Amino acid sequence: MTSGFISEIFSSIQGEGLYVGERQCFLRLAGCNIQCAYCDTPTQELTATGKKEKTPGQRDFIQFNNPVTPAELVNYISSFLSNKELHHSFVITGGEPLLQVGFLLELLPAFKKLGLKIFLETNGTLPENLSEVIELIDIVSLDFKIASATGQLSNYESQTLKSLEFSLLKEVFVKIVFTRESKITEIDTAAKAIASIDREIPLILQPVTPYGKIKHRPTPSDCLSFQAVAKRHLKEVRVIPQIHKILGLL
């Protein structure tokens, strides 16, 4: 049996993407293969401990030891989600959860039996790992990383597009985080690439929330011009900030 490294488990309101405002249960896996400049969830390392809420949404966290087995996690989640009607879906997030694909292959079939939809948040850079679990996923939120926002020179477009092709088997939307330094050409290139897979795929443009090295939000004119250029290629483009940050939620 494969064990997994968990950062935190909690219940909150979804603050990003198409499902903003929905109540969800979040399982945040530790470890990531990218270090984005704007990241506000430092889960790079496989830590010896994680934390979990005792009561959904109450922030009454207790610590537990890593790694955990799928059976241990299912037992906890089953009791944590005793009020299933409260939650829309179960979010697998990170870090980058697909780094622990073996763990997910054992865990997700049991989670499916709990009766909630499985919602995967991924940076899109591990398409082969995604292909292994896509049949167990209901909704994919896939990031399209642009260099001006990540602070890295690496181009992730080819991996992202492969991940997007696999995700067409399920409900999928793409999210692009942009900063004040982002260029309209980056948005144009990304939107064109997404449209090459399917122009019906929804795109969420997310203005960065200042954190760490990021000191300023994008300008209102950037939000409008970036949306306009993306709409040349894609049918549905929305500009949505991190609502949970505005509300002071996890």
C-alpha atoms as a PDB file:
ATOM      1  CA  MET A   1       0.000   0.000   0.000  1.00  0.00           C
ATOM      2  CA  THR A   2       1.329   3.435  -1.006  1.00  0.00           C
ATOM      3  CA  SER A   3       1.379   6.149   1.656  1.00  0.00           C
ATOM      4  CA  GLY A   4       1.021   9.864   0.990  1.00  0.00           C
ATOM      5  CA  PHE A   5       2.324  13.127   2.371  1.00  0.00           C
ATOM      6  CA  ILE A   6      -0.450  15.555   3.314  1.00  0.00           C
ATOM      7  CA  SER A   7      -0.080  19.249   4.099  1.00  0.00           C
ATOM      8  CA  GLU A   8      -3.594  19.995   5.346  1.00  0.00           C
ATOM      9  CA  ILE A   9      -7.240  18.961   5.271  1.00  0.00           C
ATOM     10  CA  PHE A  10      -9.973  21.543   5.737  1.00  0.00           C
ATOM     11  CA  SER A  11     -13.413  22.737   4.642  1.00  0.00           C
ATOM     12  CA  SER A  12     -13.846  26.147   3.026  1.00  0.00           C
ATOM     13  CA  ILE A  13     -15.331  28.134   0.156  1.00  0.00           C
ATOM     14  CA  GLN A  14     -13.723  27.755  -3.237  1.00  0.00           C
ATOM     15  CA  GLY A  15     -12.059  31.069  -4.022  1.00  0.00           C
ATOM     16  CA  GLU A  16     -10.801  30.510  -7.569  1.00  0.00           C
ATOM     17  CA  GLY A  17     -12.100  29.529 -10.967  1.00  0.00           C
ATOM     18  CA  LEU A  18     -15.540  28.545 -12.207  1.00  0.00           C
ATOM     19  CA  TYR A  19     -16.716  27.206  -8.850  1.00  0.00           C
ATOM     20  CA  VAL A  20     -16.106  30.327  -6.769  1.00  0.00           C
ATOM     21  CA  GLY A  21     -18.426  30.364  -3.770  1.00  0.00           C
ATOM     22  CA  GLU A  22     -19.044  26.614  -3.567  1.00  0.00           C
ATOM     23  CA  ARG A  23     -18.315  24.911  -0.248  1.00  0.00           C
ATOM     24  CA  GLN A  24     -15.708  22.204  -0.730  1.00  0.00           C
ATOM     25  CA  CYS A  25     -13.517  19.866   1.288  1.00  0.00           C
ATOM     26  CA  PHE A  26      -9.816  20.390   0.514  1.00  0.00           C
ATOM     27  CA  LEU A  27      -7.053  17.808   0.659  1.00  0.00           C
ATOM     28  CA  ARG A  28      -3.746  19.604   0.120  1.00  0.00           C
ATOM     29  CA  LEU A  29      -0.910  17.254  -0.784  1.00  0.00           C
ATOM     30  CA  ALA A  30       2.677  18.234   0.015  1.00  0.00           C
ATOM     31  CA  GLY A  31       5.397  18.654  -2.598  1.00  0.00           C
ATOM     32  CA  CYS A  32       5.595  20.685  -5.801  1.00  0.00           C
ATOM     33  CA  ASN A  33       7.762  20.672  -8.918  1.00  0.00           C
ATOM     34  CA  ILE A  34       7.503  24.452  -9.547  1.00  0.00           C
ATOM     35  CA  GLN A  35       8.319  27.425  -7.361  1.00  0.00           C
ATOM     36  CA  CYS A  36       6.029  30.201  -8.585  1.00  0.00           C
ATOM     37  CA  ALA A  37       6.837  33.707  -7.383  1.00  0.00           C
ATOM     38  CA  TYR A  38       3.215  34.292  -6.324  1.00  0.00           C
ATOM     39  CA  CYS A  39       2.669  31.010  -4.457  1.00  0.00           C
ATOM     40  CA  ASP A  40       1.033  31.527  -1.053  1.00  0.00           C
ATOM     41  CA  THR A  41       0.940  27.835  -0.096  1.00  0.00           C
ATOM     42  CA  PRO A  42       4.564  26.815   0.515  1.00  0.00           C
ATOM     43  CA  THR A  43       4.292  23.021   0.200  1.00  0.00           C
ATOM     44  CA  GLN A  44       7.545  22.280  -1.594  1.00  0.00           C
ATOM     45  CA  GLU A  45       8.809  19.760   0.943  1.00  0.00           C
ATOM     46  CA  LEU A  46       7.391  16.422   2.071  1.00  0.00           C
ATOM     47  CA  THR A  47       6.928  17.409   5.688  1.00  0.00           C
ATOM     48  CA  ALA A  48       6.922  15.024   8.666  1.00  0.00           C
ATOM     49  CA  THR A  49       3.564  16.339   9.870  1.00  0.00           C
ATOM     50  CA  GLY A  50       0.350  17.679   8.426  1.00  0.00           C
ATOM     51  CA  LYS A  51      -2.714  19.304   9.960  1.00  0.00           C
ATOM     52  CA  LYS A  52      -6.433  18.641   9.763  1.00  0.00           C
ATOM     53  CA  GLU A  53      -9.569  20.337  10.982  1.00  0.00           C
ATOM     54  CA  LYS A  54     -11.548  18.498  13.626  1.00  0.00           C
ATOM     55  CA  THR A  55     -14.735  20.359  12.644  1.00  0.00           C
ATOM     56  CA  PRO A  56     -15.438  21.451   9.038  1.00  0.00           C
ATOM     57  CA  GLY A  57     -14.706  25.159   8.605  1.00  0.00           C
ATOM     58  CA  GLN A  58     -13.789  25.864  12.242  1.00  0.00           C
ATOM     59  CA  ARG A  59      -9.974  26.034  11.874  1.00  0.00           C
ATOM     60  CA  ASP A  60      -9.621  23.815  14.960  1.00  0.00           C
ATOM     61  CA  PHE A  61      -6.564  22.114  13.516  1.00  0.00           C
ATOM     62  CA  ILE A  62      -4.733  19.188  15.001  1.00  0.00           C
ATOM     63  CA  GLN A  63      -1.474  17.722  13.749  1.00  0.00           C
ATOM     64  CA  PHE A  64      -0.877  14.219  12.418  1.00  0.00           C
ATOM     65  CA  ASN A  65       2.213  12.338  11.288  1.00  0.00           C
ATOM     66  CA  ASN A  66       3.156  11.791   7.648  1.00  0.00           C
ATOM     67  CA  PRO A  67       3.013   9.683   5.626  1.00  0.00           C
ATOM     68  CA  VAL A  68      -0.579   8.406   5.874  1.00  0.00           C
ATOM     69  CA  THR A  69      -2.169   5.397   4.219  1.00  0.00           C
ATOM     70  CA  PRO A  70      -5.237   5.661   1.981  1.00  0.00           C
ATOM     71  CA  ALA A  71      -7.220   3.659   4.550  1.00  0.00           C
ATOM     72  CA  GLU A  72      -6.310   6.085   7.342  1.00  0.00           C
ATOM     73  CA  LEU A  73      -7.287   9.056   5.219  1.00  0.00           C
ATOM     74  CA  VAL A  74     -10.591   7.547   4.089  1.00  0.00           C
ATOM     75  CA  ASN A  75     -11.541   6.774   7.675  1.00  0.00           C
ATOM     76  CA  TYR A  76     -10.909  10.361   8.700  1.00  0.00           C
ATOM     77  CA  ILE A  77     -12.650  11.922   5.684  1.00  0.00           C
ATOM     78  CA  SER A  78     -15.702   9.691   6.164  1.00  0.00           C
ATOM     79  CA  SER A  79     -16.303  11.158   9.616  1.00  0.00           C
ATOM     80  CA  PHE A  80     -15.228  14.681   8.621  1.00  0.00           C
ATOM     81  CA  LEU A  81     -17.822  14.726   5.826  1.00  0.00           C
ATOM     82  CA  SER A  82     -20.731  13.444   7.886  1.00  0.00           C
ATOM     83  CA  ASN A  83     -22.793  16.362   6.483  1.00  0.00           C
ATOM     84  CA  LYS A  84     -22.279  15.641   2.786  1.00  0.00           C
ATOM     85  CA  GLU A  85     -25.018  18.049   1.707  1.00  0.00           C
ATOM     86  CA  LEU A  86     -22.810  20.935   2.884  1.00  0.00           C
ATOM     87  CA  HIS A  87     -20.067  20.236   0.343  1.00  0.00           C
ATOM     88  CA  HIS A  88     -20.204  20.428  -3.428  1.00  0.00           C
ATOM     89  CA  SER A  89     -17.059  18.382  -4.063  1.00  0.00           C
ATOM     90  CA  PHE A  90     -13.766  17.107  -2.767  1.00  0.00           C
ATOM     91  CA  VAL A  91     -10.724  19.094  -3.917  1.00  0.00           C
ATOM     92  CA  ILE A  92      -7.350  17.423  -4.443  1.00  0.00           C
ATOM     93  CA  THR A  93      -4.826  20.262  -4.479  1.00  0.00           C
ATOM     94  CA  GLY A  94      -1.243  21.103  -3.573  1.00  0.00           C
ATOM     95  CA  GLY A  95       1.582  21.829  -4.148  1.00  0.00           C
ATOM     96  CA  GLU A  96       1.213  19.551  -7.129  1.00  0.00           C
ATOM     97  CA  PRO A  97      -0.918  16.518  -6.224  1.00  0.00           C
ATOM     98  CA  LEU A  98       0.047  14.533  -9.331  1.00  0.00           C
ATOM     99  CA  LEU A  99       3.558  14.092  -7.931  1.00  0.00           C
ATOM    100  CA  GLN A 100       1.920  11.471  -5.682  1.00  0.00           C
ATOM    101  CA  VAL A 101       0.050   9.701  -8.456  1.00  0.00           C
ATOM    102  CA  GLY A 102       0.541   6.226  -6.956  1.00  0.00           C
ATOM    103  CA  PHE A 103      -1.094   7.357  -3.731  1.00  0.00           C
ATOM    104  CA  LEU A 104      -3.993   8.935  -5.643  1.00  0.00           C
ATOM    105  CA  LEU A 105      -4.578   5.736  -7.628  1.00  0.00           C
ATOM    106  CA  GLU A 106      -5.224   3.917  -4.353  1.00  0.00           C
ATOM    107  CA  LEU A 107      -7.052   6.753  -2.624  1.00  0.00           C
ATOM    108  CA  LEU A 108      -9.482   8.097  -5.223  1.00  0.00           C
ATOM    109  CA  PRO A 109     -11.576   4.936  -5.816  1.00  0.00           C
ATOM    110  CA  ALA A 110     -12.429   4.944  -2.099  1.00  0.00           C
ATOM    111  CA  PHE A 111     -13.179   8.680  -2.179  1.00  0.00           C
ATOM    112  CA  LYS A 112     -15.567   8.159  -5.102  1.00  0.00           C
ATOM    113  CA  LYS A 113     -17.631   5.880  -2.884  1.00  0.00           C
ATOM    114  CA  LEU A 114     -18.197   8.743  -0.429  1.00  0.00           C
ATOM    115  CA  GLY A 115     -20.562  10.336  -2.945  1.00  0.00           C
ATOM    116  CA  LEU A 116     -18.827  13.650  -3.683  1.00  0.00           C
ATOM    117  CA  LYS A 117     -17.389  14.791  -6.993  1.00  0.00           C
ATOM    118  CA  ILE A 118     -13.586  14.755  -7.239  1.00  0.00           C
ATOM    119  CA  PHE A 119     -12.120  18.127  -8.204  1.00  0.00           C
ATOM    120  CA  LEU A 120      -8.420  18.160  -9.169  1.00  0.00           C
ATOM    121  CA  GLU A 121      -6.290  21.314  -9.115  1.00  0.00           C
ATOM    122  CA  THR A 122      -3.060  20.810 -11.067  1.00  0.00           C
ATOM    123  CA  ASN A 123      -0.301  22.904 -12.608  1.00  0.00           C
ATOM    124  CA  GLY A 124      -0.582  20.869 -15.792  1.00  0.00           C
ATOM    125  CA  THR A 125       3.088  19.950 -16.062  1.00  0.00           C
ATOM    126  CA  LEU A 126       2.699  16.185 -15.490  1.00  0.00           C
ATOM    127  CA  PRO A 127       0.428  14.995 -18.315  1.00  0.00           C
ATOM    128  CA  GLU A 128       1.398  11.327 -18.098  1.00  0.00           C
ATOM    129  CA  ASN A 129       0.558  11.251 -14.394  1.00  0.00           C
ATOM    130  CA  LEU A 130      -2.751  12.943 -15.131  1.00  0.00           C
ATOM    131  CA  SER A 131      -3.572  10.314 -17.751  1.00  0.00           C
ATOM    132  CA  GLU A 132      -3.278   7.634 -15.052  1.00  0.00           C
ATOM    133  CA  VAL A 133      -5.952   9.152 -12.800  1.00  0.00           C
ATOM    134  CA  ILE A 134      -8.227  11.083 -15.183  1.00  0.00           C
ATOM    135  CA  GLU A 135     -10.927   8.391 -15.131  1.00  0.00           C
ATOM    136  CA  LEU A 136     -11.232   8.922 -11.367  1.00  0.00           C
ATOM    137  CA  ILE A 137     -11.625  12.714 -11.657  1.00  0.00           C
ATOM    138  CA  ASP A 138     -14.846  14.661 -12.298  1.00  0.00           C
ATOM    139  CA  ILE A 139     -13.576  18.259 -12.654  1.00  0.00           C
ATOM    140  CA  VAL A 140     -10.098  19.512 -13.621  1.00  0.00           C
ATOM    141  CA  SER A 141      -8.828  23.009 -12.805  1.00  0.00           C
ATOM    142  CA  LEU A 142      -5.671  23.290 -14.880  1.00  0.00           C
ATOM    143  CA  ASP A 143      -3.144  26.107 -14.590  1.00  0.00           C
ATOM    144  CA  PHE A 144      -1.454  27.588 -17.649  1.00  0.00           C
ATOM    145  CA  LYS A 145       1.817  28.983 -16.298  1.00  0.00           C
ATOM    146  CA  ILE A 146       3.224  32.148 -17.880  1.00  0.00           C
ATOM    147  CA  ALA A 147       6.833  33.195 -17.267  1.00  0.00           C
ATOM    148  CA  SER A 148       6.078  36.737 -16.091  1.00  0.00           C
ATOM    149  CA  ALA A 149       3.947  35.371 -13.234  1.00  0.00           C
ATOM    150  CA  THR A 150       5.950  32.322 -12.192  1.00  0.00           C
ATOM    151  CA  GLY A 151       9.281  34.143 -12.199  1.00  0.00           C
ATOM    152  CA  GLN A 152      10.793  31.208 -14.100  1.00  0.00           C
ATOM    153  CA  LEU A 153      12.109  30.961 -17.639  1.00  0.00           C
ATOM    154  CA  SER A 154      10.726  27.462 -18.240  1.00  0.00           C
ATOM    155  CA  ASN A 155       8.031  27.123 -20.886  1.00  0.00           C
ATOM    156  CA  TYR A 156       5.341  24.680 -19.769  1.00  0.00           C
ATOM    157  CA  GLU A 157       3.085  25.034 -22.820  1.00  0.00           C
ATOM    158  CA  SER A 158       3.699  21.601 -24.354  1.00  0.00           C
ATOM    159  CA  GLN A 159       3.043  19.751 -21.080  1.00  0.00           C
ATOM    160  CA  THR A 160      -0.016  21.883 -20.346  1.00  0.00           C
ATOM    161  CA  LEU A 161      -1.561  21.183 -23.744  1.00  0.00           C
ATOM    162  CA  LYS A 162      -1.038  17.435 -23.323  1.00  0.00           C
ATOM    163  CA  SER A 163      -2.714  17.646 -19.915  1.00  0.00           C
ATOM    164  CA  LEU A 164      -5.539  19.625 -21.459  1.00  0.00           C
ATOM    165  CA  GLU A 165      -6.101  16.953 -24.103  1.00  0.00           C
ATOM    166  CA  PHE A 166      -6.383  14.265 -21.422  1.00  0.00           C
ATOM    167  CA  SER A 167      -8.721  16.502 -19.401  1.00  0.00           C
ATOM    168  CA  LEU A 168     -11.233  16.763 -22.246  1.00  0.00           C
ATOM    169  CA  LEU A 169     -12.523  13.405 -21.047  1.00  0.00           C
ATOM    170  CA  LYS A 170     -13.959  15.308 -18.064  1.00  0.00           C
ATOM    171  CA  GLU A 171     -15.166  18.802 -17.173  1.00  0.00           C
ATOM    172  CA  VAL A 172     -12.174  21.150 -17.410  1.00  0.00           C
ATOM    173  CA  PHE A 173     -11.327  24.828 -17.200  1.00  0.00           C
ATOM    174  CA  VAL A 174      -7.998  26.649 -17.415  1.00  0.00           C
ATOM    175  CA  LYS A 175      -6.668  29.312 -15.059  1.00  0.00           C
ATOM    176  CA  ILE A 176      -3.919  31.852 -15.807  1.00  0.00           C
ATOM    177  CA  VAL A 177      -2.477  33.888 -12.949  1.00  0.00           C
ATOM    178  CA  PHE A 178      -1.106  37.206 -14.203  1.00  0.00           C
ATOM    179  CA  THR A 179       0.847  40.026 -12.589  1.00  0.00           C
ATOM    180  CA  ARG A 180       1.536  43.680 -13.283  1.00  0.00           C
ATOM    181  CA  GLU A 181       4.587  42.529 -15.266  1.00  0.00           C
ATOM    182  CA  SER A 182       2.587  40.193 -17.513  1.00  0.00           C
ATOM    183  CA  LYS A 183       2.463  40.982 -21.216  1.00  0.00           C
ATOM    184  CA  ILE A 184      -0.561  40.919 -23.459  1.00  0.00           C
ATOM    185  CA  THR A 185       1.400  38.739 -25.882  1.00  0.00           C
ATOM    186  CA  GLU A 186       1.654  36.043 -23.195  1.00  0.00           C
ATOM    187  CA  ILE A 187      -2.114  35.997 -22.759  1.00  0.00           C
ATOM    188  CA  ASP A 188      -2.660  35.996 -26.516  1.00  0.00           C
ATOM    189  CA  THR A 189      -0.271  33.078 -27.012  1.00  0.00           C
ATOM    190  CA  ALA A 190      -1.810  31.085 -24.162  1.00  0.00           C
ATOM    191  CA  ALA A 191      -5.399  31.666 -25.289  1.00  0.00           C
ATOM    192  CA  LYS A 192      -4.510  30.712 -28.856  1.00  0.00           C
ATOM    193  CA  ALA A 193      -2.882  27.498 -27.612  1.00  0.00           C
ATOM    194  CA  ILE A 194      -5.920  26.576 -25.504  1.00  0.00           C
ATOM    195  CA  ALA A 195      -8.203  27.251 -28.478  1.00  0.00           C
ATOM    196  CA  SER A 196      -6.099  24.863 -30.575  1.00  0.00           C
ATOM    197  CA  ILE A 197      -7.392  22.101 -28.296  1.00  0.00           C
ATOM    198  CA  ASP A 198     -10.984  23.392 -27.969  1.00  0.00           C
ATOM    199  CA  ARG A 199     -12.223  26.987 -28.016  1.00  0.00           C
ATOM    200  CA  GLU A 200     -15.124  25.969 -25.757  1.00  0.00           C
ATOM    201  CA  ILE A 201     -12.762  25.442 -22.803  1.00  0.00           C
ATOM    202  CA  PRO A 202     -13.445  28.191 -20.217  1.00  0.00           C
ATOM    203  CA  LEU A 203     -10.502  30.404 -19.282  1.00  0.00           C
ATOM    204  CA  ILE A 204     -10.184  32.162 -15.927  1.00  0.00           C
ATOM    205  CA  LEU A 205      -7.794  35.101 -15.817  1.00  0.00           C
ATOM    206  CA  GLN A 206      -6.760  35.542 -12.187  1.00  0.00           C
ATOM    207  CA  PRO A 207      -5.105  38.817 -11.114  1.00  0.00           C
ATOM    208  CA  VAL A 208      -2.330  37.928  -8.707  1.00  0.00           C
ATOM    209  CA  THR A 209      -2.843  38.524  -4.989  1.00  0.00           C
ATOM    210  CA  PRO A 210       0.214  40.359  -3.586  1.00  0.00           C
ATOM    211  CA  TYR A 211       2.323  37.939  -1.548  1.00  0.00           C
ATOM    212  CA  GLY A 212       6.037  37.563  -0.900  1.00  0.00           C
ATOM    213  CA  LYS A 213       7.943  39.051  -3.835  1.00  0.00           C
ATOM    214  CA  ILE A 214       4.700  40.207  -5.469  1.00  0.00           C
ATOM    215  CA  LYS A 215       3.884  43.672  -4.103  1.00  0.00           C
ATOM    216  CA  HIS A 216       1.231  45.015  -6.481  1.00  0.00           C
ATOM    217  CA  ARG A 217      -1.909  43.849  -8.231  1.00  0.00           C
ATOM    218  CA  PRO A 218      -2.332  44.210 -11.992  1.00  0.00           C
ATOM    219  CA  THR A 219      -4.044  47.399 -13.131  1.00  0.00           C
ATOM    220  CA  PRO A 220      -7.751  47.514 -14.048  1.00  0.00           C
ATOM    221  CA  SER A 221      -6.787  48.288 -17.646  1.00  0.00           C
ATOM    222  CA  ASP A 222      -4.650  45.119 -17.736  1.00  0.00           C
ATOM    223  CA  CYS A 223      -7.630  43.048 -16.576  1.00  0.00           C
ATOM    224  CA  LEU A 224      -9.818  44.433 -19.359  1.00  0.00           C
ATOM    225  CA  SER A 225      -7.247  44.293 -22.145  1.00  0.00           C
ATOM    226  CA  PHE A 226      -6.131  40.757 -21.254  1.00  0.00           C
ATOM    227  CA  GLN A 227      -9.726  39.554 -21.276  1.00  0.00           C
ATOM    228  CA  ALA A 228     -10.341  41.236 -24.636  1.00  0.00           C
ATOM    229  CA  VAL A 229      -7.358  39.611 -26.317  1.00  0.00           C
ATOM    230  CA  ALA A 230      -8.189  36.160 -24.906  1.00  0.00           C
ATOM    231  CA  LYS A 231     -11.779  36.505 -26.164  1.00  0.00           C
ATOM    232  CA  ARG A 232     -10.456  36.656 -29.707  1.00  0.00           C
ATOM    233  CA  HIS A 233      -9.684  32.954 -29.384  1.00  0.00           C
ATOM    234  CA  LEU A 234     -11.931  31.530 -26.668  1.00  0.00           C
ATOM    235  CA  LYS A 235     -15.689  31.618 -26.185  1.00  0.00           C
ATOM    236  CA  GLU A 236     -15.695  32.065 -22.388  1.00  0.00           C
ATOM    237  CA  VAL A 237     -13.131  34.216 -20.571  1.00  0.00           C
ATOM    238  CA  ARG A 238     -13.708  35.518 -17.037  1.00  0.00           C
ATOM    239  CA  VAL A 239     -11.574  37.724 -14.788  1.00  0.00           C
ATOM    240  CA  ILE A 240     -11.863  36.471 -11.195  1.00  0.00           C
ATOM    241  CA  PRO A 241      -9.579  37.360  -8.263  1.00  0.00           C
ATOM    242  CA  GLN A 242      -8.920  35.088  -5.281  1.00  0.00           C
ATOM    243  CA  ILE A 243     -12.226  35.548  -3.489  1.00  0.00           C
ATOM    244  CA  HIS A 244     -11.197  33.538  -0.419  1.00  0.00           C
ATOM    245  CA  LYS A 245      -8.364  36.009   0.181  1.00  0.00           C
ATOM    246  CA  ILE A 246     -10.819  38.904   0.076  1.00  0.00           C
ATOM    247  CA  LEU A 247     -13.072  37.128   2.580  1.00  0.00           C
ATOM    248  CA  GLY A 248     -10.204  36.107   4.852  1.00  0.00           C
ATOM    249  CA  LEU A 249     -10.852  32.373   4.376  1.00  0.00           C
ATOM    250  CA  LEU A 250      -8.446  29.488   3.939  1.00  0.00           C
END
